C-alpha atoms as a PDB file:
ATOM      1  CA  MET A   1      13.891   3.679   0.930  1.00  0.00           C
ATOM      2  CA  LEU A   2      11.288   5.722   2.815  1.00  0.00           C
ATOM      3  CA  GLY A   3       9.238   6.019  -0.370  1.00  0.00           C
ATOM      4  CA  ILE A   4       9.125   2.204  -0.631  1.00  0.00           C
ATOM      5  CA  LEU A   5       8.180   1.812   3.046  1.00  0.00           C
ATOM      6  CA  TYR A   6       5.396   4.393   2.836  1.00  0.00           C
ATOM      7  CA  SER A   7       4.036   2.776  -0.338  1.00  0.00           C
ATOM      8  CA  VAL A   8       3.852  -0.705   1.224  1.00  0.00           C
ATOM      9  CA  LEU A   9       2.231   0.654   4.403  1.00  0.00           C
ATOM     10  CA  SER A  10      -0.298   2.437   2.214  1.00  0.00           C
ATOM     11  CA  ALA A  11      -1.060  -0.824   0.413  1.00  0.00           C
ATOM     12  CA  LEU A  12      -1.607  -2.654   3.717  1.00  0.00           C
ATOM     13  CA  THR A  13      -3.941  -0.082   5.259  1.00  0.00           C
ATOM     14  CA  PHE A  14      -5.812   0.379   2.001  1.00  0.00           C
ATOM     15  CA  SER A  15      -6.468  -3.374   1.925  1.00  0.00           C
ATOM     16  CA  MET A  16      -7.916  -3.123   5.438  1.00  0.00           C
ATOM     17  CA  ASN A  17     -10.304  -0.467   4.159  1.00  0.00           C
ATOM     18  CA  MET A  18     -11.303  -2.698   1.233  1.00  0.00           C
ATOM     19  CA  ALA A  19     -12.198  -5.559   3.576  1.00  0.00           C
ATOM     20  CA  LEU A  20     -14.170  -3.338   5.955  1.00  0.00           C
ATOM     21  CA  VAL A  21     -16.111  -1.519   3.248  1.00  0.00           C
ATOM     22  CA  ARG A  22     -16.758  -4.796   1.408  1.00  0.00           C
ATOM     23  CA  ARG A  23     -18.674  -5.990   4.453  1.00  0.00           C
ATOM     24  CA  GLY A  24     -20.368  -2.627   4.971  1.00  0.00           C
ATOM     25  CA  VAL A  25     -21.808  -2.302   1.457  1.00  0.00           C
ATOM     26  CA  THR A  26     -23.827  -5.475   1.943  1.00  0.00           C
ATOM     27  CA  THR A  27     -26.292  -3.393   4.017  1.00  0.00           C
ATOM     28  CA  ALA A  28     -25.472   0.154   2.852  1.00  0.00           C
ATOM     29  CA  THR A  29     -24.848   1.952  -0.434  1.00  0.00           C
ATOM     30  CA  PRO A  30     -21.492   2.823  -2.038  1.00  0.00           C
ATOM     31  CA  GLY A  31     -22.550   6.485  -1.920  1.00  0.00           C
ATOM     32  CA  GLN A  32     -22.974   6.299   1.855  1.00  0.00           C
ATOM     33  CA  ALA A  33     -19.567   4.631   2.176  1.00  0.00           C
ATOM     34  CA  ALA A  34     -17.863   7.318   0.079  1.00  0.00           C
ATOM     35  CA  LEU A  35     -19.551  10.145   1.985  1.00  0.00           C
ATOM     36  CA  VAL A  36     -18.586   8.813   5.429  1.00  0.00           C
ATOM     37  CA  THR A  37     -14.996   7.897   4.598  1.00  0.00           C
ATOM     38  CA  VAL A  38     -14.254  11.201   2.848  1.00  0.00           C
ATOM     39  CA  VAL A  39     -16.024  13.685   5.134  1.00  0.00           C
ATOM     40  CA  PHE A  40     -14.729  12.165   8.369  1.00  0.00           C
ATOM     41  CA  GLY A  41     -11.271  11.826   6.876  1.00  0.00           C
ATOM     42  CA  VAL A  42     -10.900  15.623   6.616  1.00  0.00           C
ATOM     43  CA  PRO A  43     -10.449  16.299  10.375  1.00  0.00           C
ATOM     44  CA  LEU A  44      -8.007  13.383  10.615  1.00  0.00           C
ATOM     45  CA  PHE A  45      -5.821  14.922   7.920  1.00  0.00           C
ATOM     46  CA  LEU A  46      -6.198  18.364   9.494  1.00  0.00           C
ATOM     47  CA  VAL A  47      -4.915  17.065  12.840  1.00  0.00           C
ATOM     48  CA  ALA A  48      -2.034  15.243  11.142  1.00  0.00           C
ATOM     49  CA  ALA A  49      -1.059  18.344   9.146  1.00  0.00           C
ATOM     50  CA  ALA A  50      -1.148  20.481  12.297  1.00  0.00           C
ATOM     51  CA  ALA A  51       0.809  17.943  14.373  1.00  0.00           C
ATOM     52  CA  THR A  52       3.601  17.752  11.798  1.00  0.00           C
ATOM     53  CA  GLY A  53       3.775  21.518  11.352  1.00  0.00           C
ATOM     54  CA  GLN A  54       2.885  21.278   7.676  1.00  0.00           C
ATOM     55  CA  LEU A  55      -0.280  23.298   8.198  1.00  0.00           C
ATOM     56  CA  LEU A  56       1.904  26.335   8.960  1.00  0.00           C
ATOM     57  CA  GLN A  57       3.674  25.925   5.633  1.00  0.00           C
ATOM     58  CA  TRP A  58       0.527  26.428   3.579  1.00  0.00           C
ATOM     59  CA  ASP A  59       2.141  29.251   1.625  1.00  0.00           C
ATOM     60  CA  SER A  60       4.811  26.895   0.241  1.00  0.00           C
ATOM     61  CA  ILE A  61       2.252  25.711  -2.323  1.00  0.00           C
ATOM     62  CA  ASP A  62       1.290  28.187  -5.031  1.00  0.00           C
ATOM     63  CA  ALA A  63      -2.188  28.726  -6.443  1.00  0.00           C
ATOM     64  CA  GLY A  64      -1.546  26.279  -9.252  1.00  0.00           C
ATOM     65  CA  GLY A  65      -0.512  23.612  -6.744  1.00  0.00           C
ATOM     66  CA  TYR A  66      -3.703  24.088  -4.751  1.00  0.00           C
ATOM     67  CA  TRP A  67      -5.725  23.728  -7.918  1.00  0.00           C
ATOM     68  CA  LEU A  68      -3.919  20.489  -8.803  1.00  0.00           C
ATOM     69  CA  LEU A  69      -4.480  19.076  -5.307  1.00  0.00           C
ATOM     70  CA  ALA A  70      -8.175  19.976  -5.382  1.00  0.00           C
ATOM     71  CA  VAL A  71      -8.717  18.375  -8.786  1.00  0.00           C
ATOM     72  CA  ALA A  72      -6.753  15.313  -7.649  1.00  0.00           C
ATOM     73  CA  GLY A  73      -9.007  15.043  -4.599  1.00  0.00           C
ATOM     74  CA  VAL A  74     -12.192  15.084  -6.662  1.00  0.00           C
ATOM     75  CA  ILE A  75     -10.826  12.616  -9.206  1.00  0.00           C
ATOM     76  CA  HIS A  76      -9.488  10.212  -6.570  1.00  0.00           C
ATOM     77  CA  PHE A  77     -11.860  10.511  -3.607  1.00  0.00           C
ATOM     78  CA  VAL A  78     -15.112  11.185  -5.434  1.00  0.00           C
ATOM     79  CA  ILE A  79     -14.849   9.444  -8.811  1.00  0.00           C
ATOM     80  CA  GLY A  80     -12.259   6.793  -7.970  1.00  0.00           C
ATOM     81  CA  ARG A  81     -13.526   5.910  -4.513  1.00  0.00           C
ATOM     82  CA  TYR A  82     -17.170   5.721  -5.537  1.00  0.00           C
ATOM     83  CA  GLY A  83     -16.211   3.515  -8.486  1.00  0.00           C
ATOM     84  CA  ASN A  84     -14.158   1.334  -6.153  1.00  0.00           C
ATOM     85  CA  TYR A  85     -17.005   0.895  -3.680  1.00  0.00           C
ATOM     86  CA  ARG A  86     -19.522   0.145  -6.450  1.00  0.00           C
ATOM     87  CA  GLY A  87     -17.133  -2.453  -7.799  1.00  0.00           C
ATOM     88  CA  LEU A  88     -16.588  -3.923  -4.327  1.00  0.00           C
ATOM     89  CA  ARG A  89     -20.296  -4.548  -3.946  1.00  0.00           C
ATOM     90  CA  ALA A  90     -20.552  -6.051  -7.434  1.00  0.00           C
ATOM     91  CA  ILE A  91     -17.541  -8.392  -7.627  1.00  0.00           C
ATOM     92  CA  GLY A  92     -15.778  -8.336  -4.240  1.00  0.00           C
ATOM     93  CA  ALA A  93     -12.439  -7.051  -2.992  1.00  0.00           C
ATOM     94  CA  ASN A  94     -10.218  -9.728  -4.560  1.00  0.00           C
ATOM     95  CA  ARG A  95     -11.384  -9.009  -8.076  1.00  0.00           C
ATOM     96  CA  MET A  96     -11.410  -5.242  -7.526  1.00  0.00           C
ATOM     97  CA  GLN A  97      -7.778  -5.274  -6.433  1.00  0.00           C
ATOM     98  CA  VAL A  98      -6.861  -6.860  -9.757  1.00  0.00           C
ATOM     99  CA  MET A  99      -9.011  -4.376 -11.671  1.00  0.00           C
ATOM    100  CA  GLN A 100      -7.303  -1.488  -9.900  1.00  0.00           C
ATOM    101  CA  THR A 101      -3.934  -2.533 -11.264  1.00  0.00           C
ATOM    102  CA  LEU A 102      -5.147  -1.067 -14.552  1.00  0.00           C
ATOM    103  CA  SER A 103      -4.532   2.316 -12.943  1.00  0.00           C
ATOM    104  CA  ILE A 104      -0.780   1.663 -13.185  1.00  0.00           C
ATOM    105  CA  PRO A 105      -0.470   1.811 -16.991  1.00  0.00           C
ATOM    106  CA  ILE A 106      -2.610   4.961 -16.948  1.00  0.00           C
ATOM    107  CA  THR A 107      -0.348   6.572 -14.360  1.00  0.00           C
ATOM    108  CA  ILE A 108       2.956   5.546 -15.907  1.00  0.00           C
ATOM    109  CA  ILE A 109       2.128   6.368 -19.512  1.00  0.00           C
ATOM    110  CA  VAL A 110       0.906   9.837 -18.585  1.00  0.00           C
ATOM    111  CA  ALA A 111       3.902  10.286 -16.255  1.00  0.00           C
ATOM    112  CA  MET A 112       6.179   9.665 -19.244  1.00  0.00           C
ATOM    113  CA  TRP A 113       4.503  12.459 -21.129  1.00  0.00           C
ATOM    114  CA  TRP A 114       3.892  14.960 -18.332  1.00  0.00           C
ATOM    115  CA  LEU A 115       6.624  14.400 -15.761  1.00  0.00           C
ATOM    116  CA  ASP A 116       9.318  13.061 -18.105  1.00  0.00           C
ATOM    117  CA  GLU A 117       9.672   9.874 -16.062  1.00  0.00           C
ATOM    118  CA  GLU A 118      11.569   7.078 -17.827  1.00  0.00           C
ATOM    119  CA  VAL A 119       9.969   3.680 -18.530  1.00  0.00           C
ATOM    120  CA  THR A 120      12.299   0.747 -19.258  1.00  0.00           C
ATOM    121  CA  GLY A 121      11.677  -2.437 -21.222  1.00  0.00           C
ATOM    122  CA  LEU A 122      11.267  -4.362 -17.974  1.00  0.00           C
ATOM    123  CA  MET A 123       8.573  -1.923 -16.884  1.00  0.00           C
ATOM    124  CA  TRP A 124       6.713  -2.432 -20.157  1.00  0.00           C
ATOM    125  CA  THR A 125       6.748  -6.180 -19.453  1.00  0.00           C
ATOM    126  CA  GLY A 126       5.176  -5.424 -16.079  1.00  0.00           C
ATOM    127  CA  ILE A 127       2.497  -3.312 -17.745  1.00  0.00           C
ATOM    128  CA  VAL A 128       1.619  -6.201 -20.071  1.00  0.00           C
ATOM    129  CA  LEU A 129       1.275  -8.613 -17.134  1.00  0.00           C
ATOM    130  CA  ILE A 130      -0.975  -6.131 -15.367  1.00  0.00           C
ATOM    131  CA  MET A 131      -3.186  -5.789 -18.423  1.00  0.00           C
ATOM    132  CA  VAL A 132      -3.487  -9.586 -18.751  1.00  0.00           C
ATOM    133  CA  GLY A 133      -4.489 -10.083 -15.092  1.00  0.00           C
ATOM    134  CA  PRO A 134      -8.106  -8.850 -15.393  1.00  0.00           C
ATOM    135  CA  LEU A 135      -8.570 -10.883 -18.610  1.00  0.00           C
ATOM    136  CA  ILE A 136      -7.439 -14.094 -16.900  1.00  0.00           C
ATOM    137  CA  MET A 137      -9.692 -13.277 -13.948  1.00  0.00           C
ATOM    138  CA  THR A 138     -12.790 -13.294 -16.172  1.00  0.00           C
ATOM    139  CA  GLN A 139     -14.458 -16.660 -15.735  1.00  0.00           C
ATOM    140  CA  ARG A 140     -15.980 -18.613 -18.590  1.00  0.00           C
ATOM    141  CA  HIS A 141     -19.515 -18.543 -17.276  1.00  0.00           C
ATOM    142  CA  GLY A 142     -20.516 -15.344 -19.035  1.00  0.00           C
ATOM    143  CA  PRO A 143     -21.242 -11.965 -17.487  1.00  0.00           C
ATOM    144  CA  GLN A 144     -23.031 -13.511 -14.517  1.00  0.00           C
ATOM    145  CA  ALA A 145     -20.689 -15.755 -12.539  1.00  0.00           C
ATOM    146  CA  PRO A 146     -22.030 -18.585 -10.335  1.00  0.00           C
ATOM    147  CA  LYS A 147     -22.774 -18.030  -6.680  1.00  0.00           C
ATOM    148  CA  ASN A 148     -20.072 -18.452  -4.080  1.00  0.00           C
ATOM    149  CA  ALA A 149     -20.573 -20.886  -1.227  1.00  0.00           C
ATOM    150  CA  GLY A 150     -22.004 -18.065   0.871  1.00  0.00           C
ATOM    151  CA  GLY A 151     -24.600 -17.109  -1.740  1.00  0.00           C
ATOM    152  CA  PHE A 152     -22.830 -14.053  -3.196  1.00  0.00           C
ATOM    153  CA  THR A 153     -23.348 -13.704  -6.959  1.00  0.00           C
ATOM    154  CA  PRO A 154     -20.677 -11.545  -8.631  1.00  0.00           C
ATOM    155  CA  LYS A 155     -22.019  -9.075 -11.195  1.00  0.00           C
ATOM    156  CA  MET A 156     -19.076  -9.149 -13.552  1.00  0.00           C
ATOM    157  CA  ALA A 157     -20.137  -6.573 -16.147  1.00  0.00           C
ATOM    158  CA  GLU A 158     -21.079  -3.999 -13.490  1.00  0.00           C
ATOM    159  CA  GLY A 159     -17.958  -4.704 -11.463  1.00  0.00           C
ATOM    160  CA  PHE A 160     -15.613  -4.399 -14.426  1.00  0.00           C
ATOM    161  CA  PHE A 161     -17.196  -1.117 -15.526  1.00  0.00           C
ATOM    162  CA  TRP A 162     -16.823   0.468 -12.091  1.00  0.00           C
ATOM    163  CA  GLY A 163     -13.381  -1.079 -11.800  1.00  0.00           C
ATOM    164  CA  LEU A 164     -12.360   0.861 -14.903  1.00  0.00           C
ATOM    165  CA  VAL A 165     -13.861   4.034 -13.418  1.00  0.00           C
ATOM    166  CA  ALA A 166     -11.866   3.489 -10.220  1.00  0.00           C
ATOM    167  CA  SER A 167      -8.714   2.782 -12.239  1.00  0.00           C
ATOM    168  CA  PHE A 168      -9.094   6.082 -14.049  1.00  0.00           C
ATOM    169  CA  GLY A 169      -9.551   7.996 -10.797  1.00  0.00           C
ATOM    170  CA  TYR A 170      -6.728   6.223  -9.011  1.00  0.00           C
ATOM    171  CA  GLY A 171      -4.465   6.358 -12.064  1.00  0.00           C
ATOM    172  CA  ALA A 172      -4.791  10.044 -12.899  1.00  0.00           C
ATOM    173  CA  SER A 173      -4.663  11.592  -9.418  1.00  0.00           C
ATOM    174  CA  PRO A 174      -1.055  10.659  -8.441  1.00  0.00           C
ATOM    175  CA  LEU A 175       0.281  12.693 -11.351  1.00  0.00           C
ATOM    176  CA  LEU A 176      -1.497  15.801 -10.133  1.00  0.00           C
ATOM    177  CA  VAL A 177      -0.378  15.214  -6.542  1.00  0.00           C
ATOM    178  CA  ARG A 178       3.229  14.643  -7.557  1.00  0.00           C
ATOM    179  CA  ALA A 179       3.248  17.797  -9.705  1.00  0.00           C
ATOM    180  CA  ALA A 180       1.816  19.860  -6.823  1.00  0.00           C
ATOM    181  CA  LEU A 181       4.088  18.478  -4.073  1.00  0.00           C
ATOM    182  CA  GLU A 182       7.380  17.922  -5.880  1.00  0.00           C
ATOM    183  CA  GLY A 183      10.082  19.860  -4.080  1.00  0.00           C
ATOM    184  CA  ASN A 184       8.062  20.976  -1.020  1.00  0.00           C
ATOM    185  CA  ASN A 185       7.630  17.610   0.816  1.00  0.00           C
ATOM    186  CA  LEU A 186       4.187  18.608   2.144  1.00  0.00           C
ATOM    187  CA  GLY A 187       2.464  15.283   1.529  1.00  0.00           C
ATOM    188  CA  ILE A 188       0.281  15.335   4.651  1.00  0.00           C
ATOM    189  CA  TYR A 189      -0.930  18.878   4.076  1.00  0.00           C
ATOM    190  CA  GLY A 190      -1.508  18.038   0.425  1.00  0.00           C
ATOM    191  CA  GLY A 191      -3.700  15.132   1.505  1.00  0.00           C
ATOM    192  CA  PHE A 192      -5.740  17.477   3.677  1.00  0.00           C
ATOM    193  CA  VAL A 193      -6.322  19.866   0.763  1.00  0.00           C
ATOM    194  CA  SER A 194      -7.382  17.032  -1.554  1.00  0.00           C
ATOM    195  CA  TYR A 195      -9.679  15.468   1.047  1.00  0.00           C
ATOM    196  CA  ALA A 196     -11.270  18.846   1.825  1.00  0.00           C
ATOM    197  CA  ALA A 197     -11.979  19.531  -1.852  1.00  0.00           C
ATOM    198  CA  ALA A 198     -13.568  16.100  -2.278  1.00  0.00           C
ATOM    199  CA  ALA A 199     -15.647  16.557   0.899  1.00  0.00           C
ATOM    200  CA  VAL A 200     -17.010  19.882  -0.349  1.00  0.00           C
ATOM    201  CA  VAL A 201     -18.110  18.253  -3.614  1.00  0.00           C
ATOM    202  CA  LEU A 202     -19.722  15.269  -1.864  1.00  0.00           C
ATOM    203  CA  ILE A 203     -21.545  17.409   0.714  1.00  0.00           C
ATOM    204  CA  ALA A 204     -22.831  19.762  -1.990  1.00  0.00           C
ATOM    205  CA  TYR A 205     -24.046  16.803  -4.052  1.00  0.00           C
ATOM    206  CA  THR A 206     -25.754  15.258  -1.025  1.00  0.00           C
ATOM    207  CA  LEU A 207     -27.577  18.515  -0.249  1.00  0.00           C
ATOM    208  CA  ILE A 208     -28.605  19.240  -3.839  1.00  0.00           C
ATOM    209  CA  ALA A 209     -29.317  15.890  -5.499  1.00  0.00           C
ATOM    210  CA  PRO A 210     -32.852  14.533  -4.987  1.00  0.00           C
ATOM    211  CA  GLY A 211     -33.083  11.820  -2.348  1.00  0.00           C
ATOM    212  CA  LYS A 212     -29.430  11.979  -1.303  1.00  0.00           C
ATOM    213  CA  ARG A 213     -30.076  13.667   2.047  1.00  0.00           C
ATOM    214  CA  ALA A 214     -32.558  10.951   2.966  1.00  0.00           C
ATOM    215  CA  GLU A 215     -30.066   8.300   1.834  1.00  0.00           C
ATOM    216  CA  ALA A 216     -27.323   9.808   4.004  1.00  0.00           C
ATOM    217  CA  ARG A 217     -29.590   9.827   7.085  1.00  0.00           C
ATOM    218  CA  ALA A 218     -30.789   6.257   6.499  1.00  0.00           C
ATOM    219  CA  ILE A 219     -27.396   4.582   6.794  1.00  0.00           C
ATOM    220  CA  ASP A 220     -27.395   1.271   8.654  1.00  0.00           C
ATOM    221  CA  ARG A 221     -25.714   1.533  12.076  1.00  0.00           C
ATOM    222  CA  GLY A 222     -23.661  -1.609  11.629  1.00  0.00           C
ATOM    223  CA  ALA A 223     -22.434  -0.381   8.277  1.00  0.00           C
ATOM    224  CA  LEU A 224     -21.691   3.036   9.778  1.00  0.00           C
ATOM    225  CA  ARG A 225     -19.384   1.444  12.363  1.00  0.00           C
ATOM    226  CA  LEU A 226     -17.565  -0.432   9.614  1.00  0.00           C
ATOM    227  CA  PHE A 227     -17.263   2.724   7.509  1.00  0.00           C
ATOM    228  CA  MET A 228     -15.944   4.737  10.454  1.00  0.00           C
ATOM    229  CA  THR A 229     -13.282   2.097  11.100  1.00  0.00           C
ATOM    230  CA  GLY A 230     -12.612   2.081   7.386  1.00  0.00           C
ATOM    231  CA  THR A 231     -12.253   5.875   7.526  1.00  0.00           C
ATOM    232  CA  VAL A 232      -9.285   5.509   9.868  1.00  0.00           C
ATOM    233  CA  SER A 233      -7.661   2.782   7.775  1.00  0.00           C
ATOM    234  CA  VAL A 234      -8.091   4.634   4.485  1.00  0.00           C
ATOM    235  CA  PHE A 235      -6.885   7.842   6.152  1.00  0.00           C
ATOM    236  CA  LEU A 236      -3.674   6.041   7.080  1.00  0.00           C
ATOM    237  CA  ALA A 237      -3.468   4.618   3.552  1.00  0.00           C
ATOM    238  CA  GLN A 238      -3.783   8.062   1.984  1.00  0.00           C
ATOM    239  CA  LEU A 239      -1.452   9.572   4.576  1.00  0.00           C
ATOM    240  CA  PHE A 240       1.298   7.124   3.613  1.00  0.00           C
ATOM    241  CA  ARG A 241       0.450   7.544  -0.074  1.00  0.00           C
ATOM    242  CA  TYR A 242       0.802  11.317  -0.055  1.00  0.00           C
ATOM    243  CA  MET A 243       3.990  11.063   2.005  1.00  0.00           C
ATOM    244  CA  ALA A 244       5.408   8.616  -0.552  1.00  0.00           C
ATOM    245  CA  LEU A 245       4.417  10.806  -3.499  1.00  0.00           C
ATOM    246  CA  GLY A 246       6.115  13.747  -1.818  1.00  0.00           C
ATOM    247  CA  ILE A 247       9.528  12.039  -1.933  1.00  0.00           C
ATOM    248  CA  ALA A 248       9.412   9.288  -4.583  1.00  0.00           C
ATOM    249  CA  PRO A 249       8.571   9.027  -8.307  1.00  0.00           C
ATOM    250  CA  VAL A 250       5.016   8.163  -9.333  1.00  0.00           C
ATOM    251  CA  SER A 251       6.358   5.236 -11.398  1.00  0.00           C
ATOM    252  CA  LEU A 252       7.678   3.645  -8.156  1.00  0.00           C
ATOM    253  CA  VAL A 253       4.906   4.510  -5.684  1.00  0.00           C
ATOM    254  CA  THR A 254       1.918   3.402  -7.765  1.00  0.00           C
ATOM    255  CA  PRO A 255       3.197  -0.126  -8.616  1.00  0.00           C
ATOM    256  CA  LEU A 256       4.253  -0.793  -5.024  1.00  0.00           C
ATOM    257  CA  MET A 257       0.807   0.108  -3.750  1.00  0.00           C
ATOM    258  CA  ARG A 258      -0.699  -2.567  -5.964  1.00  0.00           C
ATOM    259  CA  THR A 259       1.050  -5.235  -3.899  1.00  0.00           C
ATOM    260  CA  GLY A 260      -1.958  -4.694  -1.631  1.00  0.00           C
ATOM    261  CA  SER A 261      -3.573  -7.544  -3.588  1.00  0.00           C
ATOM    262  CA  LEU A 262      -1.717  -9.955  -1.294  1.00  0.00           C
ATOM    263  CA  PHE A 263      -2.936  -8.202   1.834  1.00  0.00           C
ATOM    264  CA  THR A 264      -6.477  -8.125   0.446  1.00  0.00           C
ATOM    265  CA  LEU A 265      -6.450 -11.881  -0.180  1.00  0.00           C
ATOM    266  CA  GLY A 266      -5.464 -12.563   3.419  1.00  0.00           C
ATOM    267  CA  LEU A 267      -7.948 -10.122   4.921  1.00  0.00           C
ATOM    268  CA  SER A 268     -10.750 -11.313   2.646  1.00  0.00           C
ATOM    269  CA  TRP A 269     -10.099 -14.912   3.673  1.00  0.00           C
ATOM    270  CA  GLY A 270     -10.212 -13.967   7.338  1.00  0.00           C
ATOM    271  CA  MET A 271     -13.123 -11.501   7.301  1.00  0.00           C
ATOM    272  CA  ASN A 272     -15.305 -11.994   4.214  1.00  0.00           C
ATOM    273  CA  ARG A 273     -14.692 -15.534   3.006  1.00  0.00           C
ATOM    274  CA  SER A 274     -18.320 -16.157   2.045  1.00  0.00           C
ATOM    275  CA  MET A 275     -18.489 -12.896   0.073  1.00  0.00           C
ATOM    276  CA  GLU A 276     -15.290 -13.316  -1.928  1.00  0.00           C
ATOM    277  CA  SER A 277     -13.975 -15.454  -4.772  1.00  0.00           C
ATOM    278  CA  PHE A 278     -10.847 -17.568  -4.393  1.00  0.00           C
ATOM    279  CA  THR A 279     -11.082 -19.449  -7.694  1.00  0.00           C
ATOM    280  CA  LEU A 280      -8.035 -20.296  -9.813  1.00  0.00           C
ATOM    281  CA  PRO A 281      -8.733 -17.503 -12.370  1.00  0.00           C
ATOM    282  CA  VAL A 282      -8.976 -14.924  -9.568  1.00  0.00           C
ATOM    283  CA  LEU A 283      -5.786 -16.129  -7.867  1.00  0.00           C
ATOM    284  CA  THR A 284      -3.993 -16.201 -11.236  1.00  0.00           C
ATOM    285  CA  GLY A 285      -5.109 -12.651 -11.964  1.00  0.00           C
ATOM    286  CA  VAL A 286      -3.835 -11.531  -8.573  1.00  0.00           C
ATOM    287  CA  ALA A 287      -0.490 -13.275  -9.138  1.00  0.00           C
ATOM    288  CA  LEU A 288      -0.029 -11.680 -12.566  1.00  0.00           C
ATOM    289  CA  SER A 289      -0.908  -8.216 -11.277  1.00  0.00           C
ATOM    290  CA  ILE A 290       1.567  -8.557  -8.404  1.00  0.00           C
ATOM    291  CA  ALA A 291       4.292  -9.841 -10.734  1.00  0.00           C
ATOM    292  CA  GLY A 292       3.697  -6.911 -13.040  1.00  0.00           C
ATOM    293  CA  ALA A 293       3.848  -4.461 -10.136  1.00  0.00           C
ATOM    294  CA  VAL A 294       7.141  -5.975  -8.947  1.00  0.00           C
ATOM    295  CA  LEU A 295       8.684  -5.614 -12.420  1.00  0.00           C
ATOM    296  CA  LEU A 296       7.579  -1.987 -12.527  1.00  0.00           C
ATOM    297  CA  ALA A 297       9.232  -1.311  -9.188  1.00  0.00           C
ATOM    298  CA  LEU A 298      12.608  -2.864 -10.097  1.00  0.00           C
END
């Protein structure tokens, strides 16, 4: 029961991050958003790990577990998060939530092979619905969809590409986290390790890559405030996610988190209505992805 609760709370707070970052990337870059939300998330996880006493249990994870958590952090918080933020800017949060459901088949199929988790016929039906959702969501106007009422023009090809990148990052990382944390229940400390590894990679890239230091310094102040608020919301999302993965199977946690599509619709309507799409194909894609996630969780 706690695994279900943590998964739903993660979905809610992750949707809040999607809405905040969606607004922020209108005046800032996805790279700036990823850098801020990852780097400033590290001290939040450190405080949480210390407050819960998990920081003192660092030796309960072996060297292999640390390696898995570090790789999971880079895959999820560098590759997946950057892909997510690029997709947000290109096609909006509603469409990106549907695209991210593609991470579920990736997670579950690999979990069958690696973690010996069982997949039933009902779960396969859910996977099919999830795969159909993004296809239904594609409008018939070609790769360049018409402008929304607020003037936003979705870039479908770009958004779908980065949506697939995000799905890979978000789909592969839970398996590594689950393998590292199974049996030790150190989800919060595991989140700190993963965040720290991702922050090291992002900081190193910012210092080394041409023009990235100037880009980091040039962030818009309004966007920075949104990203900082988003840092707290995504920290809570990852906190609940790692706690869920510490006590529940990947094949349950990942589908439940995709119910965030409902939360994203509500938040997008309230905060970013002029920058989002609420067409019938989009709503149908959301409905199919949610239905598929529910079947996977049964």
